[in-house]
């Protein structure tokens, strides 16, 4: 598991990106699958989530139900699940926000007094999740230059070949994400595109972890088909 802290506006946010290690799920979800929507035994998922919550020790984890959209929900207190949402935000200490993924990009942000966890795949990139998050911060008087953005483990463009119609949408929405895949066809590097968008706005961006499809420590839907999901977690600790 990858772990660190971010300092913003005189506060400290702790963050984590999980991997497959730990947990009780059986193949093809072995072993710490944290997603309840991929066909795993619900009891195993519950045990995995409870184990992670105990391990982190920062409070009740607030989970999202991602739908590849761009909507954002604000939390003032922990909420076990926020369905049909791809970004959670809070200014409250002790409210750990969780995003899930297995090739899509888990995005963690500390900006001003706001912490954000977001889930971004190609649809979120094309539909403008970055613009939505920047507008969300702007409405709260927070400049993009004050944002620290972590882009967690996700599939790289070389491994993520896409059909021509999808490539056209990605190229129009975010040219920086358009790459050539290892098969010589069009690919999409979502992390590269997100980094370019945030950096253009003035934010500080850091890539954490490598390609999920290349690294067997992580779940990868493109590599394995039926599989689990890992998490990104961020929480204000002060």
C-alpha atoms as a PDB file:
ATOM      1  CA  UNK A   1       0.000   0.000   0.000  1.00  0.00           C
ATOM      2  CA  UNK A   2       1.257   3.476  -0.908  1.00  0.00           C
ATOM      3  CA  UNK A   3       0.969   6.169   1.763  1.00  0.00           C
ATOM      4  CA  UNK A   4       1.916   9.773   2.410  1.00  0.00           C
ATOM      5  CA  UNK A   5       0.684  13.183   3.545  1.00  0.00           C
ATOM      6  CA  UNK A   6      -0.115  16.533   1.962  1.00  0.00           C
ATOM      7  CA  UNK A   7       0.095  19.900   3.729  1.00  0.00           C
ATOM      8  CA  UNK A   8      -2.374  22.532   2.597  1.00  0.00           C
ATOM      9  CA  UNK A   9      -3.655  25.745   4.176  1.00  0.00           C
ATOM     10  CA  UNK A  10      -2.028  24.885   7.489  1.00  0.00           C
ATOM     11  CA  UNK A  11      -3.689  21.463   7.590  1.00  0.00           C
ATOM     12  CA  UNK A  12      -2.449  17.932   6.960  1.00  0.00           C
ATOM     13  CA  UNK A  13      -4.193  15.355   4.784  1.00  0.00           C
ATOM     14  CA  UNK A  14      -3.142  11.712   4.923  1.00  0.00           C
ATOM     15  CA  UNK A  15      -3.553   9.599   1.804  1.00  0.00           C
ATOM     16  CA  UNK A  16      -3.291   5.954   0.741  1.00  0.00           C
ATOM     17  CA  UNK A  17      -3.532   3.934  -2.449  1.00  0.00           C
ATOM     18  CA  UNK A  18      -4.266   0.274  -1.740  1.00  0.00           C
ATOM     19  CA  UNK A  19      -3.254  -2.783  -3.753  1.00  0.00           C
ATOM     20  CA  UNK A  20      -4.327  -6.427  -3.834  1.00  0.00           C
ATOM     21  CA  UNK A  21      -2.476  -7.427  -0.647  1.00  0.00           C
ATOM     22  CA  UNK A  22      -4.524  -8.335   2.426  1.00  0.00           C
ATOM     23  CA  UNK A  23      -8.188  -9.188   2.570  1.00  0.00           C
ATOM     24  CA  UNK A  24     -10.040 -12.453   2.191  1.00  0.00           C
ATOM     25  CA  UNK A  25     -11.514 -12.442  -1.325  1.00  0.00           C
ATOM     26  CA  UNK A  26     -10.953 -15.487  -3.518  1.00  0.00           C
ATOM     27  CA  UNK A  27      -9.890 -15.549  -7.173  1.00  0.00           C
ATOM     28  CA  UNK A  28     -10.579 -13.774  -9.429  1.00  0.00           C
ATOM     29  CA  UNK A  29     -10.974 -11.077  -6.769  1.00  0.00           C
ATOM     30  CA  UNK A  30      -8.001 -12.138  -4.662  1.00  0.00           C
ATOM     31  CA  UNK A  31      -7.362 -10.831  -2.195  1.00  0.00           C
ATOM     32  CA  UNK A  32      -8.341  -7.317  -1.025  1.00  0.00           C
ATOM     33  CA  UNK A  33     -11.148  -6.457  -3.394  1.00  0.00           C
ATOM     34  CA  UNK A  34     -12.935  -3.382  -2.057  1.00  0.00           C
ATOM     35  CA  UNK A  35     -15.734  -3.101  -4.630  1.00  0.00           C
ATOM     36  CA  UNK A  36     -19.243  -4.373  -3.975  1.00  0.00           C
ATOM     37  CA  UNK A  37     -20.399  -4.155  -7.600  1.00  0.00           C
ATOM     38  CA  UNK A  38     -18.072  -6.610  -9.376  1.00  0.00           C
ATOM     39  CA  UNK A  39     -19.620  -9.962  -8.385  1.00  0.00           C
ATOM     40  CA  UNK A  40     -17.486 -10.791  -5.350  1.00  0.00           C
ATOM     41  CA  UNK A  41     -18.952 -12.409  -2.231  1.00  0.00           C
ATOM     42  CA  UNK A  42     -20.573  -9.513  -0.309  1.00  0.00           C
ATOM     43  CA  UNK A  43     -19.324 -10.927   2.978  1.00  0.00           C
ATOM     44  CA  UNK A  44     -15.756 -10.914   1.689  1.00  0.00           C
ATOM     45  CA  UNK A  45     -16.078  -7.320   0.481  1.00  0.00           C
ATOM     46  CA  UNK A  46     -17.500  -6.275   3.835  1.00  0.00           C
ATOM     47  CA  UNK A  47     -14.625  -7.994   5.648  1.00  0.00           C
ATOM     48  CA  UNK A  48     -12.074  -6.353   3.350  1.00  0.00           C
ATOM     49  CA  UNK A  49     -13.539  -2.913   3.936  1.00  0.00           C
ATOM     50  CA  UNK A  50     -13.671  -3.421   7.683  1.00  0.00           C
ATOM     51  CA  UNK A  51     -10.058  -4.635   7.660  1.00  0.00           C
ATOM     52  CA  UNK A  52      -8.937  -1.552   5.733  1.00  0.00           C
ATOM     53  CA  UNK A  53     -10.827   0.751   8.079  1.00  0.00           C
ATOM     54  CA  UNK A  54      -9.122  -0.832  11.090  1.00  0.00           C
ATOM     55  CA  UNK A  55      -5.734  -0.716   9.410  1.00  0.00           C
ATOM     56  CA  UNK A  56      -5.944   2.979   8.521  1.00  0.00           C
ATOM     57  CA  UNK A  57      -7.437   3.961  11.852  1.00  0.00           C
ATOM     58  CA  UNK A  58      -8.656   7.374  10.709  1.00  0.00           C
ATOM     59  CA  UNK A  59     -12.411   6.968  11.101  1.00  0.00           C
ATOM     60  CA  UNK A  60     -15.401   5.548   9.279  1.00  0.00           C
ATOM     61  CA  UNK A  61     -14.628   5.298   5.570  1.00  0.00           C
ATOM     62  CA  UNK A  62     -16.987   7.101   3.172  1.00  0.00           C
ATOM     63  CA  UNK A  63     -17.404   5.115  -0.051  1.00  0.00           C
ATOM     64  CA  UNK A  64     -18.716   6.253  -3.428  1.00  0.00           C
ATOM     65  CA  UNK A  65     -20.687   4.345  -6.039  1.00  0.00           C
ATOM     66  CA  UNK A  66     -18.933   5.496  -9.236  1.00  0.00           C
ATOM     67  CA  UNK A  67     -20.863   5.610 -12.503  1.00  0.00           C
ATOM     68  CA  UNK A  68     -18.264   7.184 -14.829  1.00  0.00           C
ATOM     69  CA  UNK A  69     -19.866  10.615 -14.451  1.00  0.00           C
ATOM     70  CA  UNK A  70     -18.641  14.011 -13.268  1.00  0.00           C
ATOM     71  CA  UNK A  71     -20.924  14.770 -10.318  1.00  0.00           C
ATOM     72  CA  UNK A  72     -19.452  15.780  -6.949  1.00  0.00           C
ATOM     73  CA  UNK A  73     -20.952  15.261  -3.494  1.00  0.00           C
ATOM     74  CA  UNK A  74     -19.913  17.246  -0.404  1.00  0.00           C
ATOM     75  CA  UNK A  75     -19.815  15.495   2.967  1.00  0.00           C
ATOM     76  CA  UNK A  76     -19.805  17.146   6.390  1.00  0.00           C
ATOM     77  CA  UNK A  77     -19.702  13.797   8.210  1.00  0.00           C
ATOM     78  CA  UNK A  78     -18.880  10.193   7.281  1.00  0.00           C
ATOM     79  CA  UNK A  79     -21.426   8.484   5.027  1.00  0.00           C
ATOM     80  CA  UNK A  80     -21.183   4.758   4.423  1.00  0.00           C
ATOM     81  CA  UNK A  81     -22.044   5.052   0.719  1.00  0.00           C
ATOM     82  CA  UNK A  82     -22.867   7.844  -1.699  1.00  0.00           C
ATOM     83  CA  UNK A  83     -24.348   6.152  -4.787  1.00  0.00           C
ATOM     84  CA  UNK A  84     -24.106   7.341  -8.384  1.00  0.00           C
ATOM     85  CA  UNK A  85     -21.241   9.741  -7.748  1.00  0.00           C
ATOM     86  CA  UNK A  86     -17.655   9.984  -8.985  1.00  0.00           C
ATOM     87  CA  UNK A  87     -16.195  12.548  -6.597  1.00  0.00           C
ATOM     88  CA  UNK A  88     -16.478  13.183  -2.872  1.00  0.00           C
ATOM     89  CA  UNK A  89     -15.321  16.357  -1.127  1.00  0.00           C
ATOM     90  CA  UNK A  90     -15.062  17.499   2.478  1.00  0.00           C
ATOM     91  CA  UNK A  91     -13.607  20.238   4.636  1.00  0.00           C
ATOM     92  CA  UNK A  92     -14.174  18.265   7.839  1.00  0.00           C
ATOM     93  CA  UNK A  93     -11.422  16.490   9.718  1.00  0.00           C
ATOM     94  CA  UNK A  94     -11.873  12.779  10.305  1.00  0.00           C
ATOM     95  CA  UNK A  95     -14.003  12.122   7.204  1.00  0.00           C
ATOM     96  CA  UNK A  96     -11.979   9.686   5.063  1.00  0.00           C
ATOM     97  CA  UNK A  97     -13.063   9.762   1.417  1.00  0.00           C
ATOM     98  CA  UNK A  98     -12.641   6.665  -0.753  1.00  0.00           C
ATOM     99  CA  UNK A  99     -12.481   6.243  -4.514  1.00  0.00           C
ATOM    100  CA  UNK A 100     -12.243   2.907  -6.324  1.00  0.00           C
ATOM    101  CA  UNK A 101     -10.631   1.797  -9.555  1.00  0.00           C
ATOM    102  CA  UNK A 102      -8.941  -0.937 -11.558  1.00  0.00           C
ATOM    103  CA  UNK A 103      -7.413   0.939 -14.519  1.00  0.00           C
ATOM    104  CA  UNK A 104      -9.408   4.177 -14.100  1.00  0.00           C
ATOM    105  CA  UNK A 105      -7.501   6.919 -12.303  1.00  0.00           C
ATOM    106  CA  UNK A 106      -7.997   7.394  -8.563  1.00  0.00           C
ATOM    107  CA  UNK A 107      -7.525  11.134  -7.987  1.00  0.00           C
ATOM    108  CA  UNK A 108      -6.823  12.580  -4.525  1.00  0.00           C
ATOM    109  CA  UNK A 109      -6.679  16.340  -3.982  1.00  0.00           C
ATOM    110  CA  UNK A 110      -5.892  18.687  -1.111  1.00  0.00           C
ATOM    111  CA  UNK A 111      -6.712  22.299  -1.978  1.00  0.00           C
ATOM    112  CA  UNK A 112      -7.320  25.111   0.480  1.00  0.00           C
ATOM    113  CA  UNK A 113      -9.527  23.564   3.139  1.00  0.00           C
ATOM    114  CA  UNK A 114     -11.047  20.968   0.777  1.00  0.00           C
ATOM    115  CA  UNK A 115     -10.047  17.324   0.326  1.00  0.00           C
ATOM    116  CA  UNK A 116     -11.369  15.452  -2.705  1.00  0.00           C
ATOM    117  CA  UNK A 117     -11.387  11.833  -3.856  1.00  0.00           C
ATOM    118  CA  UNK A 118     -12.419  11.274  -7.480  1.00  0.00           C
ATOM    119  CA  UNK A 119     -12.748   8.428  -9.978  1.00  0.00           C
ATOM    120  CA  UNK A 120     -11.846   9.290 -13.582  1.00  0.00           C
ATOM    121  CA  UNK A 121     -11.876   7.014 -16.597  1.00  0.00           C
ATOM    122  CA  UNK A 122     -12.069   7.933 -20.261  1.00  0.00           C
ATOM    123  CA  UNK A 123     -15.697   9.032 -19.927  1.00  0.00           C
ATOM    124  CA  UNK A 124     -14.906  11.290 -16.984  1.00  0.00           C
ATOM    125  CA  UNK A 125     -12.014  12.778 -18.935  1.00  0.00           C
ATOM    126  CA  UNK A 126     -14.159  13.398 -22.017  1.00  0.00           C
ATOM    127  CA  UNK A 127     -17.054  14.805 -19.988  1.00  0.00           C
ATOM    128  CA  UNK A 128     -14.813  17.238 -18.120  1.00  0.00           C
ATOM    129  CA  UNK A 129     -14.268  16.017 -14.570  1.00  0.00           C
ATOM    130  CA  UNK A 130     -11.236  18.278 -14.177  1.00  0.00           C
ATOM    131  CA  UNK A 131     -13.250  21.333 -15.206  1.00  0.00           C
ATOM    132  CA  UNK A 132     -15.994  20.326 -12.773  1.00  0.00           C
ATOM    133  CA  UNK A 133     -13.537  19.998  -9.909  1.00  0.00           C
ATOM    134  CA  UNK A 134     -11.843  23.298 -10.760  1.00  0.00           C
ATOM    135  CA  UNK A 135     -15.227  25.019 -10.789  1.00  0.00           C
ATOM    136  CA  UNK A 136     -16.085  23.348  -7.462  1.00  0.00           C
ATOM    137  CA  UNK A 137     -12.909  24.807  -5.940  1.00  0.00           C
ATOM    138  CA  UNK A 138     -13.395  28.195  -7.548  1.00  0.00           C
ATOM    139  CA  UNK A 139     -16.888  28.495  -6.078  1.00  0.00           C
ATOM    140  CA  UNK A 140     -15.255  28.098  -2.674  1.00  0.00           C
ATOM    141  CA  UNK A 141     -12.618  30.733  -3.353  1.00  0.00           C
ATOM    142  CA  UNK A 142      -9.807  28.205  -3.826  1.00  0.00           C
ATOM    143  CA  UNK A 143      -7.301  28.780  -6.608  1.00  0.00           C
ATOM    144  CA  UNK A 144      -6.088  25.919  -8.777  1.00  0.00           C
ATOM    145  CA  UNK A 145      -2.556  27.008  -7.886  1.00  0.00           C
ATOM    146  CA  UNK A 146      -3.297  25.989  -4.307  1.00  0.00           C
ATOM    147  CA  UNK A 147      -4.301  22.448  -5.304  1.00  0.00           C
ATOM    148  CA  UNK A 148      -2.075  19.421  -4.774  1.00  0.00           C
ATOM    149  CA  UNK A 149      -3.211  16.581  -7.008  1.00  0.00           C
ATOM    150  CA  UNK A 150      -2.235  12.921  -6.683  1.00  0.00           C
ATOM    151  CA  UNK A 151      -2.912  10.618  -9.634  1.00  0.00           C
ATOM    152  CA  UNK A 152      -2.800   7.051  -8.367  1.00  0.00           C
ATOM    153  CA  UNK A 153      -2.089   3.699 -10.018  1.00  0.00           C
ATOM    154  CA  UNK A 154      -3.909   3.425 -13.369  1.00  0.00           C
ATOM    155  CA  UNK A 155      -3.511   1.858 -16.782  1.00  0.00           C
ATOM    156  CA  UNK A 156      -0.929   3.519 -19.019  1.00  0.00           C
ATOM    157  CA  UNK A 157      -1.616   4.601 -22.574  1.00  0.00           C
ATOM    158  CA  UNK A 158       0.569   1.892 -24.058  1.00  0.00           C
ATOM    159  CA  UNK A 159      -1.641  -0.771 -22.448  1.00  0.00           C
ATOM    160  CA  UNK A 160      -4.932   1.006 -23.049  1.00  0.00           C
ATOM    161  CA  UNK A 161      -5.805   0.608 -26.696  1.00  0.00           C
ATOM    162  CA  UNK A 162      -9.154   2.096 -27.671  1.00  0.00           C
ATOM    163  CA  UNK A 163     -11.415   2.037 -30.757  1.00  0.00           C
ATOM    164  CA  UNK A 164     -11.266   4.865 -33.265  1.00  0.00           C
ATOM    165  CA  UNK A 165     -14.536   6.483 -32.223  1.00  0.00           C
ATOM    166  CA  UNK A 166     -13.430   6.678 -28.608  1.00  0.00           C
ATOM    167  CA  UNK A 167     -10.012   7.923 -29.688  1.00  0.00           C
ATOM    168  CA  UNK A 168     -11.683  10.782 -31.557  1.00  0.00           C
ATOM    169  CA  UNK A 169     -13.608  11.811 -28.434  1.00  0.00           C
ATOM    170  CA  UNK A 170     -10.500  11.688 -26.267  1.00  0.00           C
ATOM    171  CA  UNK A 171      -8.454  13.652 -28.788  1.00  0.00           C
ATOM    172  CA  UNK A 172     -11.097  16.367 -29.003  1.00  0.00           C
ATOM    173  CA  UNK A 173     -11.596  16.664 -25.246  1.00  0.00           C
ATOM    174  CA  UNK A 174      -7.978  16.272 -24.108  1.00  0.00           C
ATOM    175  CA  UNK A 175      -5.308  15.990 -26.820  1.00  0.00           C
ATOM    176  CA  UNK A 176      -2.609  15.278 -24.225  1.00  0.00           C
ATOM    177  CA  UNK A 177      -4.278  11.943 -23.447  1.00  0.00           C
ATOM    178  CA  UNK A 178      -4.060  10.700 -27.045  1.00  0.00           C
ATOM    179  CA  UNK A 179      -1.172   8.265 -27.465  1.00  0.00           C
ATOM    180  CA  UNK A 180      -0.195   5.210 -29.497  1.00  0.00           C
ATOM    181  CA  UNK A 181      -0.867   1.860 -27.801  1.00  0.00           C
ATOM    182  CA  UNK A 182       1.623  -0.998 -27.929  1.00  0.00           C
ATOM    183  CA  UNK A 183      -0.351  -2.618 -30.758  1.00  0.00           C
ATOM    184  CA  UNK A 184       0.212   0.437 -32.928  1.00  0.00           C
ATOM    185  CA  UNK A 185      -3.397   1.587 -32.704  1.00  0.00           C
ATOM    186  CA  UNK A 186      -4.827   4.557 -30.812  1.00  0.00           C
ATOM    187  CA  UNK A 187      -4.499   4.601 -27.040  1.00  0.00           C
ATOM    188  CA  UNK A 188      -5.584   6.801 -24.173  1.00  0.00           C
ATOM    189  CA  UNK A 189      -3.361   7.780 -21.259  1.00  0.00           C
ATOM    190  CA  UNK A 190      -5.913   9.180 -18.834  1.00  0.00           C
ATOM    191  CA  UNK A 191      -3.350  10.042 -16.167  1.00  0.00           C
ATOM    192  CA  UNK A 192      -1.260  11.942 -18.704  1.00  0.00           C
ATOM    193  CA  UNK A 193      -4.325  13.878 -19.833  1.00  0.00           C
ATOM    194  CA  UNK A 194      -5.434  14.697 -16.295  1.00  0.00           C
ATOM    195  CA  UNK A 195      -1.931  15.824 -15.377  1.00  0.00           C
ATOM    196  CA  UNK A 196      -1.860  18.174 -18.366  1.00  0.00           C
ATOM    197  CA  UNK A 197      -5.235  19.667 -17.445  1.00  0.00           C
ATOM    198  CA  UNK A 198      -4.357  20.285 -13.807  1.00  0.00           C
ATOM    199  CA  UNK A 199      -0.897  21.619 -14.610  1.00  0.00           C
ATOM    200  CA  UNK A 200      -2.328  23.995 -17.209  1.00  0.00           C
ATOM    201  CA  UNK A 201      -4.580  25.367 -14.476  1.00  0.00           C
ATOM    202  CA  UNK A 202      -1.567  25.897 -12.191  1.00  0.00           C
ATOM    203  CA  UNK A 203      -1.939  22.944  -9.801  1.00  0.00           C
ATOM    204  CA  UNK A 204       0.850  20.765  -8.446  1.00  0.00           C
ATOM    205  CA  UNK A 205       0.547  17.204  -9.789  1.00  0.00           C
ATOM    206  CA  UNK A 206       2.219  13.991  -8.690  1.00  0.00           C
ATOM    207  CA  UNK A 207       1.950  10.514 -10.212  1.00  0.00           C
ATOM    208  CA  UNK A 208       1.841   7.803  -7.532  1.00  0.00           C
ATOM    209  CA  UNK A 209       2.332   4.188  -8.541  1.00  0.00           C
ATOM    210  CA  UNK A 210       2.651   2.706 -11.988  1.00  0.00           C
ATOM    211  CA  UNK A 211       0.514   0.972 -14.601  1.00  0.00           C
ATOM    212  CA  UNK A 212      -2.156  -1.323 -13.183  1.00  0.00           C
ATOM    213  CA  UNK A 213      -2.105  -3.559 -16.257  1.00  0.00           C
ATOM    214  CA  UNK A 214       1.655  -4.086 -16.019  1.00  0.00           C
ATOM    215  CA  UNK A 215       1.947  -4.510 -12.253  1.00  0.00           C
ATOM    216  CA  UNK A 216       0.370  -7.704 -10.838  1.00  0.00           C
ATOM    217  CA  UNK A 217       0.180  -6.103  -7.390  1.00  0.00           C
ATOM    218  CA  UNK A 218      -2.841  -4.148  -8.645  1.00  0.00           C
ATOM    219  CA  UNK A 219      -6.242  -5.117  -9.983  1.00  0.00           C
ATOM    220  CA  UNK A 220      -6.639  -4.442 -13.718  1.00  0.00           C
ATOM    221  CA  UNK A 221      -9.898  -4.874 -15.595  1.00  0.00           C
ATOM    222  CA  UNK A 222      -8.180  -4.571 -18.970  1.00  0.00           C
ATOM    223  CA  UNK A 223      -5.666  -7.279 -18.074  1.00  0.00           C
ATOM    224  CA  UNK A 224      -7.897  -9.724 -16.189  1.00  0.00           C
ATOM    225  CA  UNK A 225     -11.514  -9.028 -17.145  1.00  0.00           C
ATOM    226  CA  UNK A 226     -13.437 -10.114 -14.046  1.00  0.00           C
ATOM    227  CA  UNK A 227     -11.447  -8.739 -11.121  1.00  0.00           C
ATOM    228  CA  UNK A 228     -11.536  -6.567  -8.008  1.00  0.00           C
ATOM    229  CA  UNK A 229     -10.932  -2.900  -7.334  1.00  0.00           C
ATOM    230  CA  UNK A 230      -8.356  -1.056  -5.244  1.00  0.00           C
ATOM    231  CA  UNK A 231      -8.916   2.232  -3.454  1.00  0.00           C
ATOM    232  CA  UNK A 232      -7.564   5.702  -2.994  1.00  0.00           C
ATOM    233  CA  UNK A 233      -8.247   7.291   0.408  1.00  0.00           C
ATOM    234  CA  UNK A 234      -7.733  10.851   1.638  1.00  0.00           C
ATOM    235  CA  UNK A 235      -8.605  12.391   5.010  1.00  0.00           C
ATOM    236  CA  UNK A 236      -7.900  15.621   6.863  1.00  0.00           C
ATOM    237  CA  UNK A 237      -6.059  14.626  10.037  1.00  0.00           C
ATOM    238  CA  UNK A 238      -5.854  18.190  11.371  1.00  0.00           C
END
